[in-house]
Amino acid sequence: MAHPRDKEGLLHLYNKVLPPLAEKTFQHLQEVIPLFDDFKLEKVLDTWSKDKNASSEKEISLENGNVQQMGLRVQLTGFQKAGAQTFDVSKDLVFFLEYSSYIVGPDKNTAWLERFYLQPWSARELEEIAEKWTDEVIEEITHKLQGLG
């Protein structure tokens, strides 16, 4: 049975799915992090986009169960390697929160996984999404290096 988007479903994602996904991503980025001055991996929450189908004037929050997007953001700043220009990389992994399910991907046009709220993630799914997202981050770094070369 599909569980609609609500406080319980959103808190489950925010507290039970994002932290292990961030941990797996951090493990995959271990070789890249030392190349930069600073590294951040944080949870992000969209509290400004209103649901166009909702007539409610309720504040957008996890507590009210009406958030449209959440996810993770990785920021690598101050790439440093002899002879190369410094640059920064920022990549989001977004959970697009629909009425009874959510879609995970790097942008609104790319769906890597679709899940119902409260549906558990397997260790393999966490690993696969972390790997795909890490690949995107590394690809971005590679493009910037090639552009600077």
N, C-alpha and C. Protein backbone atom coordinates (compact mmCIF):
# COMPACT_ATOMS: atom_id res chain seq x y z
N MET A 1 0.85 -1.19 0.00
CA MET A 1 0.00 0.00 0.00
C MET A 1 0.89 1.25 0.00
N ALA A 2 0.64 2.13 -0.95
CA ALA A 2 1.43 3.36 -1.05
C ALA A 2 1.04 4.31 0.07
N HIS A 3 2.04 4.84 0.72
CA HIS A 3 1.88 5.78 1.82
C HIS A 3 2.00 7.18 1.23
N PRO A 4 1.04 8.07 1.44
CA PRO A 4 1.17 9.42 0.86
C PRO A 4 2.31 10.21 1.52
N ARG A 5 2.76 11.23 0.81
CA ARG A 5 3.80 12.10 1.37
C ARG A 5 3.23 12.79 2.61
N ASP A 6 3.91 12.60 3.73
CA ASP A 6 3.50 13.23 4.97
C ASP A 6 4.71 13.34 5.89
N LYS A 7 4.49 13.85 7.07
CA LYS A 7 5.58 14.04 8.03
C LYS A 7 6.35 12.74 8.26
N GLU A 8 5.64 11.63 8.49
CA GLU A 8 6.30 10.35 8.77
C GLU A 8 7.20 9.91 7.61
N GLY A 9 6.67 9.99 6.40
CA GLY A 9 7.45 9.59 5.22
C GLY A 9 8.67 10.46 5.00
N LEU A 10 8.49 11.77 5.18
CA LEU A 10 9.60 12.71 4.97
C LEU A 10 10.68 12.55 6.03
N LEU A 11 10.26 12.39 7.28
CA LEU A 11 11.25 12.20 8.34
C LEU A 11 12.01 10.89 8.15
N HIS A 12 11.32 9.87 7.65
CA HIS A 12 11.98 8.59 7.36
C HIS A 12 13.12 8.81 6.35
N LEU A 13 12.82 9.52 5.26
CA LEU A 13 13.85 9.79 4.25
C LEU A 13 14.99 10.62 4.83
N TYR A 14 14.63 11.68 5.54
CA TYR A 14 15.61 12.63 6.04
C TYR A 14 16.54 12.01 7.09
N ASN A 15 15.98 11.17 7.95
CA ASN A 15 16.75 10.61 9.06
C ASN A 15 17.26 9.19 8.84
N LYS A 16 16.62 8.42 7.96
CA LYS A 16 16.99 7.01 7.81
C LYS A 16 17.61 6.66 6.45
N VAL A 17 17.36 7.47 5.43
CA VAL A 17 17.90 7.18 4.09
C VAL A 17 19.08 8.09 3.76
N LEU A 18 18.92 9.39 3.98
CA LEU A 18 20.00 10.33 3.61
C LEU A 18 21.31 10.07 4.37
N PRO A 19 21.29 9.82 5.69
CA PRO A 19 22.58 9.60 6.38
C PRO A 19 23.39 8.41 5.86
N PRO A 20 22.81 7.20 5.67
CA PRO A 20 23.64 6.11 5.14
C PRO A 20 24.06 6.36 3.68
N LEU A 21 23.23 7.06 2.93
CA LEU A 21 23.60 7.39 1.55
C LEU A 21 24.78 8.37 1.55
N ALA A 22 24.76 9.33 2.46
CA ALA A 22 25.88 10.27 2.59
C ALA A 22 27.15 9.54 3.01
N GLU A 23 27.02 8.59 3.92
CA GLU A 23 28.18 7.83 4.40
C GLU A 23 28.81 7.02 3.26
N LYS A 24 27.98 6.35 2.46
CA LYS A 24 28.49 5.58 1.31
C LYS A 24 29.17 6.51 0.30
N THR A 25 28.57 7.65 0.05
CA THR A 25 29.14 8.61 -0.90
C THR A 25 30.50 9.10 -0.39
N PHE A 26 30.55 9.42 0.89
CA PHE A 26 31.81 9.87 1.51
C PHE A 26 32.90 8.82 1.31
N GLN A 27 32.56 7.55 1.51
CA GLN A 27 33.54 6.47 1.32
C GLN A 27 34.04 6.43 -0.13
N HIS A 28 33.14 6.64 -1.09
CA HIS A 28 33.53 6.60 -2.50
C HIS A 28 34.38 7.80 -2.92
N LEU A 29 34.26 8.90 -2.18
CA LEU A 29 35.00 10.12 -2.54
C LEU A 29 36.35 10.25 -1.83
N GLN A 30 36.74 9.25 -1.06
CA GLN A 30 37.97 9.32 -0.26
C GLN A 30 39.21 9.70 -1.07
N GLU A 31 39.31 9.20 -2.29
CA GLU A 31 40.51 9.49 -3.09
C GLU A 31 40.49 10.90 -3.67
N VAL A 32 39.31 11.48 -3.80
CA VAL A 32 39.17 12.80 -4.43
C VAL A 32 39.29 13.93 -3.41
N ILE A 33 38.80 13.73 -2.21
CA ILE A 33 38.74 14.78 -1.19
C ILE A 33 40.10 15.45 -0.94
N PRO A 34 41.21 14.70 -0.85
CA PRO A 34 42.50 15.36 -0.57
C PRO A 34 42.97 16.31 -1.67
N LEU A 35 42.38 16.23 -2.86
CA LEU A 35 42.77 17.12 -3.96
C LEU A 35 42.23 18.53 -3.79
N PHE A 36 41.33 18.72 -2.81
CA PHE A 36 40.67 20.01 -2.62
C PHE A 36 40.99 20.57 -1.23
N ASP A 37 40.90 21.90 -1.12
CA ASP A 37 41.10 22.58 0.17
C ASP A 37 40.00 22.24 1.16
N ASP A 38 38.76 22.14 0.65
CA ASP A 38 37.64 21.97 1.56
C ASP A 38 36.62 21.01 0.95
N PHE A 39 35.93 20.31 1.82
CA PHE A 39 34.93 19.33 1.42
C PHE A 39 33.73 19.44 2.33
N LYS A 40 32.53 19.46 1.72
CA LYS A 40 31.29 19.46 2.49
C LYS A 40 30.34 18.45 1.86
N LEU A 41 29.65 17.70 2.69
CA LEU A 41 28.59 16.81 2.24
C LEU A 41 27.46 17.03 3.22
N GLU A 42 26.35 17.61 2.72
CA GLU A 42 25.29 17.99 3.63
C GLU A 42 23.92 17.62 3.10
N LYS A 43 22.97 17.51 4.03
CA LYS A 43 21.57 17.29 3.66
C LYS A 43 21.00 18.64 3.25
N VAL A 44 20.18 18.64 2.21
CA VAL A 44 19.52 19.87 1.78
C VAL A 44 18.01 19.63 1.75
N LEU A 45 17.28 20.69 2.04
CA LEU A 45 15.83 20.62 2.14
C LEU A 45 15.25 21.84 1.44
N ASP A 46 14.34 21.62 0.50
CA ASP A 46 13.69 22.72 -0.22
C ASP A 46 12.47 23.16 0.58
N THR A 47 12.58 24.30 1.25
CA THR A 47 11.45 24.80 2.05
C THR A 47 10.86 26.06 1.41
N TRP A 48 11.11 26.27 0.13
CA TRP A 48 10.57 27.46 -0.53
C TRP A 48 9.62 27.13 -1.68
N SER A 49 9.70 25.93 -2.27
CA SER A 49 8.81 25.59 -3.39
C SER A 49 7.48 25.07 -2.87
N LYS A 50 6.41 25.74 -3.27
CA LYS A 50 5.06 25.31 -2.86
C LYS A 50 4.53 24.27 -3.83
N ASP A 51 3.72 23.36 -3.31
CA ASP A 51 3.03 22.38 -4.14
C ASP A 51 1.92 23.12 -4.89
N LYS A 52 2.00 23.13 -6.21
CA LYS A 52 1.02 23.89 -6.99
C LYS A 52 -0.39 23.32 -6.85
N ASN A 53 -0.51 22.05 -6.44
CA ASN A 53 -1.82 21.41 -6.28
C ASN A 53 -2.42 21.62 -4.90
N ALA A 54 -1.64 22.15 -3.99
CA ALA A 54 -2.13 22.31 -2.61
C ALA A 54 -2.69 23.72 -2.41
N SER A 55 -3.84 23.79 -1.79
CA SER A 55 -4.45 25.09 -1.53
C SER A 55 -3.99 25.63 -0.17
N SER A 56 -3.30 24.80 0.57
CA SER A 56 -2.90 25.14 1.93
C SER A 56 -1.89 26.28 1.95
N GLU A 57 -2.02 27.12 2.94
CA GLU A 57 -1.05 28.20 3.16
C GLU A 57 -0.06 27.81 4.25
N LYS A 58 -0.08 26.54 4.63
CA LYS A 58 0.82 26.07 5.69
C LYS A 58 2.26 26.30 5.30
N GLU A 59 3.07 26.61 6.29
CA GLU A 59 4.51 26.76 6.09
C GLU A 59 5.07 25.44 5.55
N ILE A 60 6.02 25.53 4.63
CA ILE A 60 6.63 24.33 4.05
C ILE A 60 7.69 23.82 5.01
N SER A 61 7.50 22.58 5.49
CA SER A 61 8.45 22.01 6.45
C SER A 61 8.29 20.50 6.51
N LEU A 62 9.29 19.83 7.07
CA LEU A 62 9.18 18.39 7.32
C LEU A 62 8.01 18.11 8.25
N GLU A 63 7.87 18.95 9.27
CA GLU A 63 6.80 18.76 10.26
C GLU A 63 5.42 18.78 9.61
N ASN A 64 5.23 19.64 8.61
CA ASN A 64 3.94 19.74 7.94
C ASN A 64 3.80 18.72 6.81
N GLY A 65 4.89 18.01 6.49
CA GLY A 65 4.83 16.96 5.47
C GLY A 65 4.59 17.46 4.07
N ASN A 66 4.97 18.70 3.79
CA ASN A 66 4.67 19.27 2.47
C ASN A 66 5.91 19.75 1.70
N VAL A 67 7.07 19.21 2.04
CA VAL A 67 8.30 19.54 1.32
C VAL A 67 8.26 18.87 -0.06
N GLN A 68 8.74 19.58 -1.08
CA GLN A 68 8.72 19.07 -2.46
C GLN A 68 10.01 18.34 -2.85
N GLN A 69 11.14 18.75 -2.25
CA GLN A 69 12.44 18.17 -2.59
C GLN A 69 13.33 18.14 -1.36
N MET A 70 14.18 17.12 -1.32
CA MET A 70 15.27 17.08 -0.34
C MET A 70 16.39 16.31 -1.01
N GLY A 71 17.52 16.23 -0.35
CA GLY A 71 18.60 15.47 -0.94
C GLY A 71 19.91 15.73 -0.26
N LEU A 72 20.97 15.48 -1.02
CA LEU A 72 22.33 15.67 -0.53
C LEU A 72 23.07 16.60 -1.49
N ARG A 73 24.02 17.35 -0.95
CA ARG A 73 24.87 18.21 -1.78
C ARG A 73 26.32 17.97 -1.37
N VAL A 74 27.14 17.73 -2.39
CA VAL A 74 28.57 17.62 -2.14
C VAL A 74 29.22 18.88 -2.72
N GLN A 75 30.13 19.46 -1.92
CA GLN A 75 30.87 20.64 -2.36
C GLN A 75 32.35 20.40 -2.12
N LEU A 76 33.10 20.50 -3.20
CA LEU A 76 34.56 20.40 -3.13
C LEU A 76 35.09 21.75 -3.59
N THR A 77 35.82 22.44 -2.73
CA THR A 77 36.30 23.77 -3.09
C THR A 77 37.82 23.84 -3.05
N GLY A 78 38.36 24.64 -3.96
CA GLY A 78 39.79 24.91 -3.99
C GLY A 78 40.63 23.73 -4.47
N PHE A 79 40.30 23.21 -5.67
CA PHE A 79 41.14 22.15 -6.25
C PHE A 79 42.57 22.66 -6.31
N GLN A 80 43.52 21.83 -5.88
CA GLN A 80 44.90 22.27 -5.91
C GLN A 80 45.80 21.17 -6.46
N LYS A 81 46.41 21.48 -7.57
CA LYS A 81 47.39 20.58 -8.15
C LYS A 81 48.37 21.48 -8.90
N ALA A 82 49.63 21.20 -8.78
CA ALA A 82 50.64 22.05 -9.41
C ALA A 82 50.33 22.24 -10.89
N GLY A 83 50.34 23.48 -11.32
CA GLY A 83 50.14 23.79 -12.73
C GLY A 83 48.69 23.89 -13.16
N ALA A 84 47.74 23.56 -12.31
CA ALA A 84 46.33 23.63 -12.69
C ALA A 84 45.66 24.80 -11.97
N GLN A 85 44.69 25.40 -12.65
CA GLN A 85 43.88 26.45 -12.04
C GLN A 85 43.06 25.83 -10.90
N THR A 86 42.80 26.60 -9.86
CA THR A 86 41.92 26.08 -8.82
C THR A 86 40.48 26.18 -9.31
N PHE A 87 39.64 25.27 -8.85
CA PHE A 87 38.22 25.31 -9.19
C PHE A 87 37.44 24.61 -8.09
N ASP A 88 36.12 24.79 -8.15
CA ASP A 88 35.21 24.18 -7.19
C ASP A 88 34.23 23.27 -7.93
N VAL A 89 33.70 22.29 -7.22
CA VAL A 89 32.68 21.41 -7.77
C VAL A 89 31.55 21.30 -6.74
N SER A 90 30.32 21.43 -7.23
CA SER A 90 29.15 21.25 -6.38
C SER A 90 28.15 20.40 -7.14
N LYS A 91 27.67 19.33 -6.50
CA LYS A 91 26.70 18.43 -7.14
C LYS A 91 25.61 18.07 -6.16
N ASP A 92 24.38 18.05 -6.65
CA ASP A 92 23.24 17.67 -5.82
C ASP A 92 22.74 16.28 -6.21
N LEU A 93 22.26 15.58 -5.23
CA LEU A 93 21.49 14.36 -5.43
C LEU A 93 20.11 14.69 -4.88
N VAL A 94 19.10 14.67 -5.75
CA VAL A 94 17.80 15.19 -5.37
C VAL A 94 16.75 14.09 -5.24
N PHE A 95 15.96 14.21 -4.19
CA PHE A 95 14.79 13.37 -3.99
C PHE A 95 13.59 14.22 -4.37
N PHE A 96 12.96 13.91 -5.50
CA PHE A 96 11.77 14.64 -5.95
C PHE A 96 10.56 13.97 -5.31
N LEU A 97 9.87 14.69 -4.45
CA LEU A 97 8.84 14.12 -3.60
C LEU A 97 7.45 14.29 -4.21
N GLU A 98 6.93 13.20 -4.75
CA GLU A 98 5.61 13.20 -5.36
C GLU A 98 4.56 12.88 -4.29
N TYR A 99 3.31 12.67 -4.72
CA TYR A 99 2.24 12.43 -3.75
C TYR A 99 2.43 11.12 -2.98
N SER A 100 2.69 10.02 -3.68
CA SER A 100 2.79 8.73 -2.98
C SER A 100 4.13 8.03 -3.19
N SER A 101 5.02 8.67 -3.92
CA SER A 101 6.35 8.09 -4.15
C SER A 101 7.34 9.22 -4.36
N TYR A 102 8.62 8.85 -4.44
CA TYR A 102 9.65 9.84 -4.71
C TYR A 102 10.63 9.27 -5.72
N ILE A 103 11.29 10.16 -6.42
CA ILE A 103 12.26 9.79 -7.45
C ILE A 103 13.60 10.36 -7.04
N VAL A 104 14.65 9.55 -7.19
CA VAL A 104 16.01 9.97 -6.82
C VAL A 104 16.82 10.11 -8.10
N GLY A 105 17.55 11.22 -8.21
CA GLY A 105 18.41 11.42 -9.37
C GLY A 105 19.22 12.70 -9.23
N PRO A 106 20.12 12.95 -10.19
CA PRO A 106 20.96 14.14 -10.13
C PRO A 106 20.23 15.40 -10.59
N ASP A 107 19.12 15.24 -11.32
CA ASP A 107 18.34 16.37 -11.81
C ASP A 107 16.93 15.87 -12.12
N LYS A 108 16.04 16.81 -12.48
CA LYS A 108 14.64 16.43 -12.66
C LYS A 108 14.39 15.58 -13.91
N ASN A 109 15.36 15.50 -14.79
CA ASN A 109 15.19 14.71 -16.01
C ASN A 109 15.79 13.31 -15.93
N THR A 110 16.47 12.99 -14.82
CA THR A 110 17.16 11.72 -14.68
C THR A 110 16.67 11.00 -13.43
N ALA A 111 16.02 9.86 -13.63
CA ALA A 111 15.52 9.07 -12.49
C ALA A 111 16.38 7.82 -12.35
N TRP A 112 17.06 7.71 -11.22
CA TRP A 112 17.87 6.54 -10.94
C TRP A 112 17.11 5.49 -10.15
N LEU A 113 16.12 5.97 -9.38
CA LEU A 113 15.39 5.06 -8.49
C LEU A 113 14.07 5.70 -8.15
N GLU A 114 13.01 4.89 -8.11
CA GLU A 114 11.72 5.38 -7.63
C GLU A 114 11.28 4.48 -6.49
N ARG A 115 10.76 5.09 -5.45
CA ARG A 115 10.39 4.37 -4.23
C ARG A 115 9.11 4.94 -3.65
N PHE A 116 8.38 4.08 -2.94
CA PHE A 116 7.26 4.56 -2.14
C PHE A 116 7.83 5.05 -0.81
N TYR A 117 7.12 5.98 -0.16
CA TYR A 117 7.54 6.44 1.16
C TYR A 117 7.53 5.25 2.11
N LEU A 118 8.46 5.22 3.01
CA LEU A 118 8.62 4.17 4.03
C LEU A 118 9.09 2.84 3.46
N GLN A 119 9.24 2.73 2.14
CA GLN A 119 9.77 1.50 1.54
C GLN A 119 11.27 1.46 1.81
N PRO A 120 11.77 0.39 2.43
CA PRO A 120 13.19 0.35 2.78
C PRO A 120 14.10 0.25 1.55
N TRP A 121 15.31 0.74 1.73
CA TRP A 121 16.35 0.63 0.71
C TRP A 121 17.22 -0.56 1.07
N SER A 122 17.62 -1.32 0.08
CA SER A 122 18.58 -2.40 0.33
C SER A 122 19.98 -1.81 0.37
N ALA A 123 20.91 -2.54 0.97
CA ALA A 123 22.31 -2.09 1.01
C ALA A 123 22.82 -1.92 -0.42
N ARG A 124 22.41 -2.78 -1.32
CA ARG A 124 22.85 -2.71 -2.71
C ARG A 124 22.34 -1.43 -3.38
N GLU A 125 21.09 -1.06 -3.11
CA GLU A 125 20.55 0.18 -3.71
C GLU A 125 21.28 1.41 -3.18
N LEU A 126 21.56 1.44 -1.89
CA LEU A 126 22.33 2.55 -1.33
C LEU A 126 23.69 2.64 -2.01
N GLU A 127 24.33 1.50 -2.18
CA GLU A 127 25.65 1.44 -2.81
C GLU A 127 25.58 1.92 -4.27
N GLU A 128 24.57 1.44 -5.01
CA GLU A 128 24.45 1.80 -6.43
C GLU A 128 24.22 3.30 -6.62
N ILE A 129 23.33 3.87 -5.82
CA ILE A 129 23.05 5.30 -5.95
C ILE A 129 24.28 6.12 -5.54
N ALA A 130 24.95 5.73 -4.47
CA ALA A 130 26.17 6.43 -4.05
C ALA A 130 27.23 6.35 -5.15
N GLU A 131 27.37 5.19 -5.78
CA GLU A 131 28.35 5.04 -6.87
C GLU A 131 28.00 5.91 -8.06
N LYS A 132 26.73 5.91 -8.47
CA LYS A 132 26.32 6.72 -9.62
C LYS A 132 26.58 8.20 -9.35
N TRP A 133 26.23 8.64 -8.13
CA TRP A 133 26.42 10.05 -7.80
C TRP A 133 27.90 10.40 -7.73
N THR A 134 28.70 9.52 -7.15
CA THR A 134 30.15 9.73 -7.08
C THR A 134 30.72 9.82 -8.50
N ASP A 135 30.26 8.95 -9.39
CA ASP A 135 30.70 8.99 -10.79
C ASP A 135 30.41 10.36 -11.41
N GLU A 136 29.23 10.91 -11.11
CA GLU A 136 28.87 12.25 -11.63
C GLU A 136 29.84 13.31 -11.10
N VAL A 137 30.16 13.23 -9.82
CA VAL A 137 31.08 14.20 -9.22
C VAL A 137 32.46 14.09 -9.88
N ILE A 138 32.95 12.88 -10.04
CA ILE A 138 34.28 12.67 -10.64
C ILE A 138 34.29 13.10 -12.11
N GLU A 139 33.17 12.85 -12.81
CA GLU A 139 33.06 13.29 -14.20
C GLU A 139 33.13 14.82 -14.29
N GLU A 140 32.48 15.49 -13.36
CA GLU A 140 32.53 16.96 -13.31
C GLU A 140 33.97 17.45 -13.08
N ILE A 141 34.68 16.81 -12.17
CA ILE A 141 36.07 17.17 -11.91
C ILE A 141 36.90 16.97 -13.17
N THR A 142 36.71 15.82 -13.83
CA THR A 142 37.45 15.51 -15.06
C THR A 142 37.19 16.55 -16.14
N HIS A 143 35.91 16.93 -16.33
CA HIS A 143 35.58 17.95 -17.32
C HIS A 143 36.27 19.28 -17.01
N LYS A 144 36.28 19.65 -15.75
CA LYS A 144 36.91 20.92 -15.37
C LYS A 144 38.42 20.85 -15.60
N LEU A 145 39.01 19.71 -15.30
CA LEU A 145 40.45 19.55 -15.53
C LEU A 145 40.78 19.61 -17.02
N GLN A 146 39.95 18.96 -17.84
CA GLN A 146 40.19 18.96 -19.29
C GLN A 146 40.02 20.37 -19.85
N GLY A 147 39.03 21.09 -19.31
CA GLY A 147 38.78 22.47 -19.75
C GLY A 147 39.90 23.41 -19.37
N LEU A 148 40.60 23.07 -18.29
CA LEU A 148 41.70 23.93 -17.82
C LEU A 148 43.01 23.57 -18.49
N GLY A 149 43.09 22.34 -19.01
CA GLY A 149 44.33 21.85 -19.59
C GLY A 149 44.69 22.56 -20.83
